[in-house]
């Protein structure tokens, strides 16, 4: 029986070293031109002191935030990526699965001004994880999510469901990665079910491209009823 969640994790384990090289060599054009800057600006606009990078990968965002005087803590589920982030100078990087985070089995700190997930929410059942992250936010904190833009990624099939990234445009050996695409309304519904409400929506776009490069969502905790 095909288990996309398991295949997703296995693909990251297989692709980790190639991913590190792709990110650090600037091989991913959309990141270089649009999306890296977009997530940095979205985080900085909140003027945070402490940031948690959920699914931090090899740690480029941790380093970029530290260079700007922001305390940045990372967490990722792949040991190779975590070690790469630590070796490259990130001060605190936790190794933990999303399941462990969703069930609050590990202590990764709390009272974060911003928790960001940059192309890191690729599995189907994200609501328990989002709820767990909501609980770690400071009172005025925000969750910043950047993901593939569903209208662009849908390729004519605009509905929730598993897709496959083959990395065909990347150099080197890659294992195909399943990932779960959700529509815009599905994203907003997931946030709501996790106790979050949409505060801002951006569609980062290169001026010479006819389509957005990503979808960027900023969410805050629902105000508690009086």
N, C-alpha and C. Protein backbone atom coordinates (compact mmCIF):
# COMPACT_ATOMS: atom_id res chain seq x y z
N UNK A 1 0.85 -1.20 0.00
CA UNK A 1 0.00 0.00 0.00
C UNK A 1 0.88 1.25 0.00
N UNK A 2 0.59 2.18 -0.91
CA UNK A 2 1.37 3.40 -1.04
C UNK A 2 1.06 4.34 0.12
N UNK A 3 2.10 4.77 0.83
CA UNK A 3 1.94 5.69 1.96
C UNK A 3 2.71 6.97 1.65
N UNK A 4 2.02 7.98 1.13
CA UNK A 4 2.73 9.18 0.70
C UNK A 4 3.48 9.89 1.83
N UNK A 5 2.94 9.85 3.05
CA UNK A 5 3.63 10.51 4.16
C UNK A 5 5.00 9.86 4.40
N UNK A 6 5.05 8.53 4.33
CA UNK A 6 6.32 7.81 4.51
C UNK A 6 7.27 8.10 3.35
N UNK A 7 6.75 8.11 2.14
CA UNK A 7 7.57 8.40 0.97
C UNK A 7 8.10 9.83 1.00
N UNK A 8 7.32 10.76 1.54
CA UNK A 8 7.74 12.15 1.68
C UNK A 8 8.97 12.23 2.57
N UNK A 9 8.91 11.57 3.73
CA UNK A 9 10.03 11.58 4.67
C UNK A 9 11.26 10.90 4.05
N UNK A 10 11.04 9.77 3.38
CA UNK A 10 12.15 9.05 2.77
C UNK A 10 12.83 9.87 1.67
N UNK A 11 12.04 10.64 0.93
CA UNK A 11 12.61 11.44 -0.15
C UNK A 11 13.52 12.52 0.42
N UNK A 12 13.15 13.09 1.56
CA UNK A 12 14.01 14.11 2.17
C UNK A 12 15.30 13.49 2.68
N UNK A 13 15.20 12.28 3.21
CA UNK A 13 16.42 11.60 3.66
C UNK A 13 17.35 11.31 2.48
N UNK A 14 16.77 10.91 1.37
CA UNK A 14 17.57 10.59 0.18
C UNK A 14 18.14 11.86 -0.46
N UNK A 15 17.32 12.92 -0.50
CA UNK A 15 17.68 14.13 -1.24
C UNK A 15 18.44 15.16 -0.41
N UNK A 16 18.67 14.90 0.86
CA UNK A 16 19.20 15.93 1.76
C UNK A 16 20.48 16.57 1.24
N UNK A 17 21.45 15.76 0.84
CA UNK A 17 22.73 16.33 0.43
C UNK A 17 22.59 17.13 -0.87
N UNK A 18 21.81 16.61 -1.80
CA UNK A 18 21.58 17.34 -3.06
C UNK A 18 20.84 18.65 -2.79
N UNK A 19 19.92 18.63 -1.81
CA UNK A 19 19.18 19.84 -1.45
C UNK A 19 20.11 20.89 -0.85
N UNK A 20 21.00 20.46 0.03
CA UNK A 20 21.97 21.38 0.64
C UNK A 20 22.78 22.08 -0.46
N UNK A 21 23.25 21.30 -1.41
CA UNK A 21 24.06 21.85 -2.50
C UNK A 21 23.25 22.80 -3.38
N UNK A 22 21.99 22.43 -3.65
CA UNK A 22 21.14 23.28 -4.49
C UNK A 22 20.87 24.63 -3.84
N UNK A 23 20.56 24.61 -2.54
CA UNK A 23 20.27 25.86 -1.83
C UNK A 23 21.52 26.73 -1.73
N UNK A 24 22.60 26.12 -1.33
CA UNK A 24 23.82 26.91 -1.06
C UNK A 24 24.51 27.39 -2.32
N UNK A 25 24.27 26.75 -3.46
CA UNK A 25 24.86 27.20 -4.72
C UNK A 25 23.97 28.20 -5.46
N UNK A 26 22.78 28.47 -4.90
CA UNK A 26 21.86 29.40 -5.55
C UNK A 26 21.22 28.84 -6.80
N UNK A 27 21.05 27.51 -6.84
CA UNK A 27 20.55 26.86 -8.05
C UNK A 27 19.05 26.98 -8.24
N UNK A 28 18.31 27.39 -7.20
CA UNK A 28 16.85 27.45 -7.30
C UNK A 28 16.46 28.89 -7.63
N UNK A 29 16.17 29.13 -8.90
CA UNK A 29 16.01 30.49 -9.41
C UNK A 29 14.90 31.25 -8.69
N UNK A 30 13.76 30.59 -8.45
CA UNK A 30 12.64 31.29 -7.82
C UNK A 30 13.01 31.79 -6.42
N UNK A 31 13.84 31.04 -5.72
CA UNK A 31 14.29 31.47 -4.40
C UNK A 31 15.20 32.67 -4.52
N UNK A 32 16.12 32.60 -5.46
CA UNK A 32 17.07 33.70 -5.63
C UNK A 32 16.37 34.99 -6.03
N UNK A 33 15.36 34.88 -6.88
CA UNK A 33 14.73 36.07 -7.45
C UNK A 33 13.59 36.62 -6.60
N UNK A 34 12.87 35.73 -5.90
CA UNK A 34 11.62 36.19 -5.27
C UNK A 34 11.42 35.69 -3.84
N UNK A 35 11.42 34.38 -3.65
CA UNK A 35 10.80 33.85 -2.43
C UNK A 35 11.67 33.99 -1.17
N UNK A 36 13.01 33.92 -1.31
CA UNK A 36 13.85 34.13 -0.12
C UNK A 36 13.61 35.53 0.45
N UNK A 37 13.62 36.50 -0.40
CA UNK A 37 13.41 37.88 0.02
C UNK A 37 12.00 38.05 0.61
N UNK A 38 11.01 37.40 0.01
CA UNK A 38 9.62 37.54 0.47
C UNK A 38 9.45 37.06 1.91
N UNK A 39 10.02 35.89 2.23
CA UNK A 39 9.85 35.37 3.59
C UNK A 39 10.63 36.22 4.59
N UNK A 40 11.81 36.70 4.20
CA UNK A 40 12.58 37.56 5.09
C UNK A 40 11.84 38.86 5.41
N UNK A 41 11.28 39.48 4.38
CA UNK A 41 10.56 40.73 4.59
C UNK A 41 9.32 40.51 5.45
N UNK A 42 8.62 39.41 5.22
CA UNK A 42 7.40 39.12 6.00
C UNK A 42 7.74 38.93 7.47
N UNK A 43 8.85 38.25 7.75
CA UNK A 43 9.27 38.06 9.13
C UNK A 43 9.73 39.37 9.75
N UNK A 44 10.57 40.11 9.04
CA UNK A 44 11.10 41.36 9.57
C UNK A 44 10.02 42.40 9.82
N UNK A 45 8.96 42.36 9.04
CA UNK A 45 7.88 43.34 9.21
C UNK A 45 7.21 43.21 10.57
N UNK A 46 7.35 42.05 11.20
CA UNK A 46 6.78 41.84 12.54
C UNK A 46 7.73 42.33 13.64
N UNK A 47 8.93 42.74 13.26
CA UNK A 47 9.96 43.20 14.20
C UNK A 47 10.16 42.22 15.36
N UNK A 48 10.43 40.96 15.03
CA UNK A 48 10.54 39.94 16.07
C UNK A 48 11.89 39.96 16.77
N UNK A 49 11.90 39.48 17.99
CA UNK A 49 13.15 39.25 18.70
C UNK A 49 13.53 37.77 18.62
N UNK A 50 12.53 36.89 18.66
CA UNK A 50 12.78 35.44 18.62
C UNK A 50 11.92 34.80 17.53
N UNK A 51 12.56 33.98 16.70
CA UNK A 51 11.87 33.32 15.59
C UNK A 51 12.17 31.83 15.64
N UNK A 52 11.15 31.02 15.40
CA UNK A 52 11.32 29.59 15.20
C UNK A 52 11.13 29.28 13.73
N UNK A 53 12.13 28.64 13.12
CA UNK A 53 12.03 28.22 11.72
C UNK A 53 11.65 26.74 11.70
N UNK A 54 10.39 26.48 11.38
CA UNK A 54 9.83 25.13 11.36
C UNK A 54 10.17 24.48 10.02
N UNK A 55 10.92 23.38 10.05
CA UNK A 55 11.39 22.77 8.81
C UNK A 55 12.51 23.60 8.23
N UNK A 56 13.53 23.85 9.06
CA UNK A 56 14.57 24.83 8.72
C UNK A 56 15.53 24.34 7.65
N UNK A 57 15.51 23.03 7.34
CA UNK A 57 16.41 22.53 6.32
C UNK A 57 17.86 22.76 6.69
N UNK A 58 18.66 23.21 5.69
CA UNK A 58 20.09 23.39 5.96
C UNK A 58 20.41 24.72 6.66
N UNK A 59 19.40 25.50 6.93
CA UNK A 59 19.57 26.64 7.82
C UNK A 59 19.83 28.00 7.22
N UNK A 60 19.58 28.18 5.91
CA UNK A 60 19.88 29.48 5.31
C UNK A 60 19.10 30.60 5.97
N UNK A 61 17.84 30.34 6.31
CA UNK A 61 17.01 31.40 6.89
C UNK A 61 17.46 31.71 8.32
N UNK A 62 17.89 30.69 9.04
CA UNK A 62 18.44 30.93 10.39
C UNK A 62 19.64 31.87 10.31
N UNK A 63 20.51 31.63 9.35
CA UNK A 63 21.70 32.46 9.20
C UNK A 63 21.32 33.89 8.79
N UNK A 64 20.37 33.99 7.88
CA UNK A 64 19.95 35.32 7.41
C UNK A 64 19.32 36.13 8.54
N UNK A 65 18.53 35.48 9.38
CA UNK A 65 17.91 36.19 10.50
C UNK A 65 18.95 36.58 11.54
N UNK A 66 19.90 35.68 11.83
CA UNK A 66 20.95 35.99 12.80
C UNK A 66 21.78 37.19 12.34
N UNK A 67 22.04 37.27 11.04
CA UNK A 67 22.79 38.40 10.49
C UNK A 67 22.06 39.72 10.71
N UNK A 68 20.74 39.65 10.88
CA UNK A 68 19.92 40.84 11.11
C UNK A 68 19.62 41.06 12.59
N UNK A 69 20.34 40.35 13.44
CA UNK A 69 20.21 40.56 14.88
C UNK A 69 19.00 39.92 15.51
N UNK A 70 18.43 38.92 14.84
CA UNK A 70 17.23 38.24 15.35
C UNK A 70 17.64 36.86 15.87
N UNK A 71 17.20 36.52 17.07
CA UNK A 71 17.47 35.19 17.62
C UNK A 71 16.62 34.18 16.85
N UNK A 72 17.29 33.21 16.20
CA UNK A 72 16.59 32.27 15.34
C UNK A 72 16.89 30.84 15.78
N UNK A 73 15.84 30.09 16.07
CA UNK A 73 15.93 28.69 16.47
C UNK A 73 15.33 27.85 15.36
N UNK A 74 15.97 26.74 15.04
CA UNK A 74 15.47 25.90 13.98
C UNK A 74 15.02 24.54 14.48
N UNK A 75 14.15 23.90 13.71
CA UNK A 75 13.77 22.52 13.98
C UNK A 75 13.50 21.83 12.64
N UNK A 76 13.98 20.61 12.50
CA UNK A 76 13.77 19.85 11.27
C UNK A 76 13.76 18.37 11.62
N UNK A 77 13.14 17.58 10.76
CA UNK A 77 13.01 16.16 11.01
C UNK A 77 14.09 15.30 10.38
N UNK A 78 15.00 15.92 9.60
CA UNK A 78 16.04 15.14 8.94
C UNK A 78 17.40 15.44 9.58
N UNK A 79 18.08 14.39 10.02
CA UNK A 79 19.33 14.54 10.76
C UNK A 79 20.44 15.16 9.91
N UNK A 80 20.49 14.83 8.61
CA UNK A 80 21.52 15.38 7.74
C UNK A 80 21.36 16.89 7.60
N UNK A 81 20.13 17.35 7.44
CA UNK A 81 19.87 18.78 7.31
C UNK A 81 20.15 19.51 8.61
N UNK A 82 19.76 18.92 9.73
CA UNK A 82 20.01 19.54 11.04
C UNK A 82 21.51 19.70 11.27
N UNK A 83 22.27 18.66 10.97
CA UNK A 83 23.73 18.73 11.15
C UNK A 83 24.34 19.79 10.24
N UNK A 84 23.83 19.90 9.01
CA UNK A 84 24.32 20.91 8.08
C UNK A 84 24.04 22.32 8.61
N UNK A 85 22.86 22.51 9.17
CA UNK A 85 22.52 23.83 9.73
C UNK A 85 23.41 24.17 10.91
N UNK A 86 23.65 23.19 11.77
CA UNK A 86 24.52 23.42 12.93
C UNK A 86 25.95 23.72 12.49
N UNK A 87 26.45 22.95 11.55
CA UNK A 87 27.83 23.11 11.08
C UNK A 87 28.03 24.48 10.43
N UNK A 88 26.99 24.98 9.79
CA UNK A 88 27.08 26.27 9.10
C UNK A 88 26.92 27.46 10.05
N UNK A 89 26.71 27.17 11.33
CA UNK A 89 26.74 28.26 12.30
C UNK A 89 25.44 28.57 13.00
N UNK A 90 24.36 27.87 12.70
CA UNK A 90 23.11 28.12 13.42
C UNK A 90 23.28 27.72 14.89
N UNK A 91 22.88 28.58 15.80
CA UNK A 91 23.20 28.36 17.21
C UNK A 91 22.36 27.25 17.83
N UNK A 92 21.07 27.22 17.54
CA UNK A 92 20.19 26.21 18.14
C UNK A 92 19.31 25.59 17.07
N UNK A 93 19.51 24.30 16.82
CA UNK A 93 18.70 23.57 15.85
C UNK A 93 18.29 22.25 16.49
N UNK A 94 16.98 22.01 16.57
CA UNK A 94 16.45 20.80 17.17
C UNK A 94 16.15 19.77 16.08
N UNK A 95 16.38 18.50 16.39
CA UNK A 95 15.96 17.41 15.51
C UNK A 95 14.68 16.81 16.09
N UNK A 96 13.59 16.95 15.34
CA UNK A 96 12.30 16.44 15.83
C UNK A 96 11.36 16.24 14.65
N UNK A 97 10.59 15.15 14.71
CA UNK A 97 9.60 14.90 13.66
C UNK A 97 8.40 15.82 13.86
N UNK A 98 7.63 16.01 12.79
CA UNK A 98 6.41 16.82 12.90
C UNK A 98 5.41 16.15 13.85
N UNK A 99 5.41 14.80 13.86
CA UNK A 99 4.50 14.10 14.77
C UNK A 99 4.85 14.41 16.22
N UNK A 100 6.15 14.40 16.54
CA UNK A 100 6.58 14.72 17.91
C UNK A 100 6.24 16.15 18.28
N UNK A 101 6.38 17.05 17.32
CA UNK A 101 6.04 18.46 17.58
C UNK A 101 4.54 18.62 17.79
N UNK A 102 3.75 17.95 16.95
CA UNK A 102 2.30 18.06 17.05
C UNK A 102 1.79 17.55 18.39
N UNK A 103 2.47 16.55 18.93
CA UNK A 103 2.06 15.96 20.21
C UNK A 103 2.83 16.55 21.39
N UNK A 104 3.59 17.63 21.13
CA UNK A 104 4.35 18.33 22.19
C UNK A 104 5.24 17.38 22.99
N UNK A 105 5.91 16.47 22.27
CA UNK A 105 6.78 15.49 22.93
C UNK A 105 8.20 16.02 23.12
N UNK A 106 8.51 17.14 22.48
CA UNK A 106 9.85 17.72 22.59
C UNK A 106 9.73 19.18 22.98
N UNK A 107 10.72 19.66 23.71
CA UNK A 107 10.74 21.06 24.15
C UNK A 107 11.61 21.85 23.18
N UNK A 108 10.99 22.69 22.40
CA UNK A 108 11.75 23.53 21.46
C UNK A 108 11.60 25.00 21.81
N UNK A 109 11.18 25.27 23.05
CA UNK A 109 10.99 26.65 23.48
C UNK A 109 9.57 27.13 23.18
N UNK A 110 9.29 28.34 23.63
CA UNK A 110 7.96 28.91 23.43
C UNK A 110 8.05 30.43 23.44
N UNK A 111 6.91 31.08 23.37
CA UNK A 111 6.84 32.55 23.35
C UNK A 111 7.63 33.14 22.17
N UNK A 112 7.44 32.52 21.01
CA UNK A 112 8.08 33.02 19.80
C UNK A 112 7.28 34.18 19.21
N UNK A 113 7.98 35.21 18.79
CA UNK A 113 7.30 36.34 18.14
C UNK A 113 6.82 35.94 16.74
N UNK A 114 7.61 35.11 16.08
CA UNK A 114 7.23 34.59 14.76
C UNK A 114 7.64 33.12 14.70
N UNK A 115 6.76 32.29 14.18
CA UNK A 115 7.11 30.93 13.76
C UNK A 115 6.90 30.88 12.25
N UNK A 116 7.93 30.53 11.52
CA UNK A 116 7.81 30.51 10.06
C UNK A 116 7.95 29.08 9.54
N UNK A 117 7.28 28.82 8.45
CA UNK A 117 7.37 27.54 7.74
C UNK A 117 7.54 27.87 6.26
N UNK A 118 8.76 27.80 5.79
CA UNK A 118 9.08 28.21 4.42
C UNK A 118 9.15 26.98 3.51
N UNK A 119 8.09 26.76 2.74
CA UNK A 119 7.97 25.57 1.88
C UNK A 119 8.21 24.30 2.70
N UNK A 120 7.67 24.27 3.91
CA UNK A 120 7.95 23.17 4.84
C UNK A 120 6.71 22.39 5.24
N UNK A 121 5.53 22.83 4.84
CA UNK A 121 4.30 22.12 5.21
C UNK A 121 3.81 21.36 3.98
N UNK A 122 4.33 20.15 3.84
CA UNK A 122 4.11 19.38 2.62
C UNK A 122 3.23 18.15 2.83
N UNK A 123 2.86 17.88 4.08
CA UNK A 123 2.07 16.68 4.35
C UNK A 123 0.58 17.03 4.46
N UNK A 124 -0.24 16.02 4.58
CA UNK A 124 -1.69 16.22 4.48
C UNK A 124 -2.32 16.76 5.77
N UNK A 125 -2.01 16.12 6.88
CA UNK A 125 -2.70 16.46 8.14
C UNK A 125 -1.87 17.47 8.91
N UNK A 126 -1.99 18.75 8.55
CA UNK A 126 -1.17 19.79 9.19
C UNK A 126 -1.84 20.45 10.38
N UNK A 127 -3.13 20.20 10.60
CA UNK A 127 -3.86 20.94 11.63
C UNK A 127 -3.29 20.71 13.04
N UNK A 128 -2.99 19.46 13.46
CA UNK A 128 -2.40 19.28 14.79
C UNK A 128 -1.06 20.01 14.94
N UNK A 129 -0.25 20.03 13.89
CA UNK A 129 1.02 20.73 13.95
C UNK A 129 0.82 22.24 14.05
N UNK A 130 -0.11 22.78 13.25
CA UNK A 130 -0.40 24.21 13.33
C UNK A 130 -0.92 24.60 14.71
N UNK A 131 -1.77 23.77 15.30
CA UNK A 131 -2.30 24.05 16.64
C UNK A 131 -1.18 24.03 17.67
N UNK A 132 -0.25 23.08 17.52
CA UNK A 132 0.89 23.01 18.45
C UNK A 132 1.77 24.24 18.31
N UNK A 133 1.97 24.72 17.08
CA UNK A 133 2.78 25.92 16.87
C UNK A 133 2.06 27.16 17.43
N UNK A 134 0.75 27.20 17.28
CA UNK A 134 -0.05 28.30 17.83
C UNK A 134 0.20 28.43 19.34
N UNK A 135 0.30 27.28 20.00
CA UNK A 135 0.50 27.28 21.46
C UNK A 135 1.88 27.79 21.85
N UNK A 136 2.82 27.82 20.90
CA UNK A 136 4.18 28.28 21.20
C UNK A 136 4.40 29.75 20.88
N UNK A 137 3.38 30.41 20.32
CA UNK A 137 3.51 31.83 19.96
C UNK A 137 3.40 32.72 21.18
N UNK A 138 4.14 33.82 21.16
CA UNK A 138 3.97 34.88 22.15
C UNK A 138 2.57 35.48 21.96
N UNK A 139 2.07 36.23 22.96
CA UNK A 139 0.69 36.76 22.86
C UNK A 139 0.39 37.51 21.56
N UNK A 140 1.34 38.26 21.03
CA UNK A 140 1.10 38.99 19.78
C UNK A 140 1.88 38.37 18.62
N UNK A 141 2.18 37.09 18.75
CA UNK A 141 2.99 36.43 17.75
C UNK A 141 2.23 36.07 16.48
N UNK A 142 2.97 35.66 15.48
CA UNK A 142 2.37 35.32 14.19
C UNK A 142 3.04 34.10 13.59
N UNK A 143 2.26 33.36 12.83
CA UNK A 143 2.76 32.25 12.03
C UNK A 143 2.87 32.73 10.59
N UNK A 144 4.05 32.59 10.01
CA UNK A 144 4.29 33.01 8.62
C UNK A 144 4.57 31.77 7.79
N UNK A 145 3.71 31.51 6.82
CA UNK A 145 3.83 30.32 5.98
C UNK A 145 4.05 30.77 4.53
N UNK A 146 5.09 30.22 3.91
CA UNK A 146 5.25 30.39 2.46
C UNK A 146 5.17 29.00 1.83
N UNK A 147 4.41 28.91 0.75
CA UNK A 147 4.20 27.62 0.11
C UNK A 147 4.07 27.83 -1.40
N UNK A 148 4.09 26.75 -2.14
CA UNK A 148 3.81 26.84 -3.56
C UNK A 148 2.43 27.44 -3.77
N UNK A 149 2.30 28.33 -4.72
CA UNK A 149 1.00 28.93 -4.97
C UNK A 149 0.05 27.89 -5.56
N UNK A 150 -1.07 27.63 -4.91
CA UNK A 150 -1.93 26.53 -5.39
C UNK A 150 -2.46 26.75 -6.80
N UNK A 151 -2.73 27.98 -7.19
CA UNK A 151 -3.26 28.20 -8.53
C UNK A 151 -2.22 27.88 -9.59
N UNK A 152 -0.95 28.15 -9.27
CA UNK A 152 0.13 27.85 -10.19
C UNK A 152 0.45 26.36 -10.18
N UNK A 153 0.51 25.79 -8.98
CA UNK A 153 0.91 24.38 -8.84
C UNK A 153 -0.17 23.41 -9.29
N UNK A 154 -1.42 23.86 -9.29
CA UNK A 154 -2.53 22.96 -9.59
C UNK A 154 -2.47 22.38 -11.00
N UNK A 155 -1.94 23.16 -11.92
CA UNK A 155 -1.83 22.71 -13.33
C UNK A 155 -3.19 22.21 -13.86
N UNK A 156 -4.22 22.99 -13.59
CA UNK A 156 -5.54 22.67 -14.10
C UNK A 156 -6.35 21.74 -13.22
N UNK A 157 -5.79 21.29 -12.11
CA UNK A 157 -6.51 20.38 -11.21
C UNK A 157 -6.57 21.04 -9.83
N UNK A 158 -7.47 22.01 -9.69
CA UNK A 158 -7.50 22.84 -8.49
C UNK A 158 -8.35 22.20 -7.40
N UNK A 159 -7.76 21.22 -6.74
CA UNK A 159 -8.41 20.59 -5.60
C UNK A 159 -7.33 19.98 -4.71
N UNK A 160 -7.67 19.82 -3.44
CA UNK A 160 -6.73 19.22 -2.51
C UNK A 160 -6.33 17.83 -2.99
N UNK A 161 -5.06 17.49 -2.80
CA UNK A 161 -4.62 16.14 -3.16
C UNK A 161 -3.12 16.03 -3.27
N UNK A 162 -2.67 14.80 -3.28
CA UNK A 162 -1.24 14.53 -3.38
C UNK A 162 -0.73 14.80 -4.79
N UNK A 163 0.43 15.42 -4.88
CA UNK A 163 1.13 15.67 -6.13
C UNK A 163 2.54 15.08 -6.00
N UNK A 164 3.31 15.13 -7.08
CA UNK A 164 4.68 14.62 -7.03
C UNK A 164 5.64 15.63 -7.63
N UNK A 165 6.68 15.93 -6.88
CA UNK A 165 7.78 16.76 -7.38
C UNK A 165 8.90 15.83 -7.82
N UNK A 166 9.28 15.92 -9.09
CA UNK A 166 10.31 15.02 -9.63
C UNK A 166 11.70 15.63 -9.61
N UNK A 167 11.80 16.95 -9.37
CA UNK A 167 13.08 17.67 -9.38
C UNK A 167 13.76 17.56 -10.74
N UNK A 168 12.94 17.45 -11.79
CA UNK A 168 13.48 17.24 -13.14
C UNK A 168 14.40 18.37 -13.58
N UNK A 169 14.16 19.59 -13.09
CA UNK A 169 14.98 20.74 -13.50
C UNK A 169 16.23 20.90 -12.67
N UNK A 170 16.44 20.03 -11.68
CA UNK A 170 17.58 20.13 -10.80
C UNK A 170 18.71 19.21 -11.27
N UNK A 171 19.93 19.62 -11.02
CA UNK A 171 21.08 18.78 -11.32
C UNK A 171 21.22 17.70 -10.24
N UNK A 172 21.85 16.58 -10.62
CA UNK A 172 22.13 15.54 -9.64
C UNK A 172 21.06 14.48 -9.56
N UNK A 173 21.25 13.59 -8.60
CA UNK A 173 20.33 12.46 -8.41
C UNK A 173 19.29 12.82 -7.34
N UNK A 174 18.04 12.68 -7.70
CA UNK A 174 16.95 13.03 -6.78
C UNK A 174 15.91 11.91 -6.75
N UNK A 175 15.33 11.73 -5.61
CA UNK A 175 14.20 10.81 -5.47
C UNK A 175 12.91 11.62 -5.51
N UNK A 176 11.92 11.24 -6.35
CA UNK A 176 10.67 12.02 -6.41
C UNK A 176 10.05 12.18 -5.02
N UNK A 177 9.45 13.34 -4.82
CA UNK A 177 8.88 13.67 -3.52
C UNK A 177 7.38 13.91 -3.63
N UNK A 178 6.56 13.11 -2.94
CA UNK A 178 5.13 13.43 -2.89
C UNK A 178 4.91 14.62 -1.97
N UNK A 179 3.96 15.46 -2.31
CA UNK A 179 3.61 16.59 -1.44
C UNK A 179 2.12 16.85 -1.60
N UNK A 180 1.53 17.39 -0.54
CA UNK A 180 0.07 17.56 -0.54
C UNK A 180 -0.29 19.00 -0.88
N UNK A 181 -0.99 19.17 -2.01
CA UNK A 181 -1.43 20.50 -2.42
C UNK A 181 -2.81 20.79 -1.84
N UNK A 182 -2.95 22.00 -1.31
CA UNK A 182 -4.27 22.40 -0.83
C UNK A 182 -4.64 23.74 -1.46
N UNK A 183 -5.93 23.93 -1.68
CA UNK A 183 -6.43 25.15 -2.27
C UNK A 183 -6.32 26.29 -1.26
N UNK A 184 -6.54 27.49 -1.73
CA UNK A 184 -6.47 28.65 -0.84
C UNK A 184 -7.49 28.54 0.29
N UNK A 185 -8.71 28.15 -0.05
CA UNK A 185 -9.73 28.02 0.99
C UNK A 185 -9.37 26.92 1.98
N UNK A 186 -8.70 25.87 1.50
CA UNK A 186 -8.28 24.79 2.37
C UNK A 186 -7.20 25.26 3.34
N UNK A 187 -6.29 26.08 2.88
CA UNK A 187 -5.28 26.67 3.77
C UNK A 187 -5.94 27.49 4.87
N UNK A 188 -6.87 28.34 4.48
CA UNK A 188 -7.52 29.22 5.47
C UNK A 188 -8.34 28.40 6.46
N UNK A 189 -8.98 27.35 5.97
CA UNK A 189 -9.76 26.48 6.86
C UNK A 189 -8.85 25.75 7.85
N UNK A 190 -7.69 25.30 7.39
CA UNK A 190 -6.74 24.62 8.27
C UNK A 190 -6.25 25.56 9.37
N UNK A 191 -5.96 26.80 9.00
CA UNK A 191 -5.55 27.78 9.99
C UNK A 191 -6.64 27.99 11.03
N UNK A 192 -7.86 28.14 10.55
CA UNK A 192 -8.99 28.38 11.45
C UNK A 192 -9.18 27.22 12.43
N UNK A 193 -9.06 26.01 11.93
CA UNK A 193 -9.24 24.84 12.79
C UNK A 193 -8.11 24.68 13.80
N UNK A 194 -6.99 25.34 13.54
CA UNK A 194 -5.86 25.31 14.47
C UNK A 194 -5.88 26.51 15.41
N UNK A 195 -6.97 27.29 15.38
CA UNK A 195 -7.09 28.43 16.28
C UNK A 195 -6.40 29.69 15.78
N UNK A 196 -6.20 29.74 14.47
CA UNK A 196 -5.50 30.88 13.87
C UNK A 196 -6.41 31.58 12.87
N UNK A 197 -6.16 32.87 12.65
CA UNK A 197 -6.91 33.60 11.64
C UNK A 197 -5.95 34.34 10.72
N UNK A 198 -6.32 34.41 9.47
CA UNK A 198 -5.48 35.05 8.46
C UNK A 198 -5.40 36.55 8.72
N UNK A 199 -4.17 37.06 8.84
CA UNK A 199 -3.96 38.49 9.05
C UNK A 199 -3.48 39.17 7.77
N UNK A 200 -2.80 38.41 6.91
CA UNK A 200 -2.25 38.99 5.69
C UNK A 200 -2.02 37.89 4.67
N UNK A 201 -2.23 38.21 3.41
CA UNK A 201 -1.98 37.27 2.32
C UNK A 201 -1.17 37.99 1.25
N UNK A 202 -0.08 37.37 0.83
CA UNK A 202 0.75 37.93 -0.23
C UNK A 202 0.94 36.89 -1.33
N UNK A 203 1.18 37.38 -2.54
CA UNK A 203 1.46 36.51 -3.68
C UNK A 203 2.74 36.99 -4.35
N UNK A 204 3.90 36.65 -3.76
CA UNK A 204 5.17 37.12 -4.29
C UNK A 204 5.34 36.75 -5.77
N UNK A 205 5.76 37.74 -6.54
CA UNK A 205 5.80 37.55 -8.00
C UNK A 205 6.98 38.31 -8.58
N UNK A 206 7.67 37.67 -9.51
CA UNK A 206 8.74 38.35 -10.24
C UNK A 206 8.10 39.27 -11.27
N UNK A 207 8.61 40.51 -11.42
CA UNK A 207 7.96 41.45 -12.36
C UNK A 207 7.91 40.96 -13.80
N UNK A 208 8.78 40.03 -14.15
CA UNK A 208 8.79 39.53 -15.53
C UNK A 208 8.07 38.19 -15.68
N UNK A 209 7.41 37.75 -14.60
CA UNK A 209 6.68 36.48 -14.66
C UNK A 209 5.18 36.73 -14.63
N UNK A 210 4.40 35.98 -15.43
CA UNK A 210 2.96 36.19 -15.44
C UNK A 210 2.24 35.50 -14.29
N UNK A 211 2.96 34.68 -13.51
CA UNK A 211 2.30 33.93 -12.43
C UNK A 211 3.05 34.16 -11.12
N UNK A 212 2.34 34.07 -9.99
CA UNK A 212 3.01 34.22 -8.69
C UNK A 212 3.96 33.07 -8.42
N UNK A 213 5.05 33.38 -7.73
CA UNK A 213 6.04 32.36 -7.40
C UNK A 213 5.67 31.58 -6.15
N UNK A 214 4.82 32.17 -5.31
CA UNK A 214 4.47 31.51 -4.06
C UNK A 214 3.20 32.14 -3.48
N UNK A 215 2.72 31.51 -2.42
CA UNK A 215 1.64 32.04 -1.60
C UNK A 215 2.21 32.24 -0.21
N UNK A 216 2.01 33.43 0.35
CA UNK A 216 2.55 33.73 1.68
C UNK A 216 1.41 34.15 2.59
N UNK A 217 1.25 33.41 3.68
CA UNK A 217 0.16 33.64 4.62
C UNK A 217 0.73 34.05 5.97
N UNK A 218 0.16 35.08 6.56
CA UNK A 218 0.51 35.49 7.92
C UNK A 218 -0.74 35.31 8.77
N UNK A 219 -0.62 34.51 9.82
CA UNK A 219 -1.77 34.19 10.67
C UNK A 219 -1.47 34.52 12.12
N UNK A 220 -2.50 34.92 12.82
CA UNK A 220 -2.40 35.24 14.24
C UNK A 220 -3.43 34.42 15.01
N UNK A 221 -3.21 34.26 16.30
CA UNK A 221 -4.16 33.50 17.12
C UNK A 221 -5.51 34.19 17.14
N UNK A 222 -6.57 33.39 17.11
CA UNK A 222 -7.91 33.95 17.26
C UNK A 222 -7.97 34.72 18.57
N UNK A 223 -8.58 35.91 18.58
CA UNK A 223 -8.75 36.60 19.85
C UNK A 223 -9.68 35.80 20.75
N UNK A 224 -9.32 35.71 22.02
CA UNK A 224 -10.14 34.94 22.94
C UNK A 224 -11.44 35.69 23.22
N UNK A 225 -12.57 35.00 23.23
CA UNK A 225 -13.84 35.69 23.54
C UNK A 225 -13.85 36.20 24.97
N UNK A 226 -14.51 37.31 25.14
CA UNK A 226 -14.59 37.90 26.47
C UNK A 226 -15.49 37.06 27.37
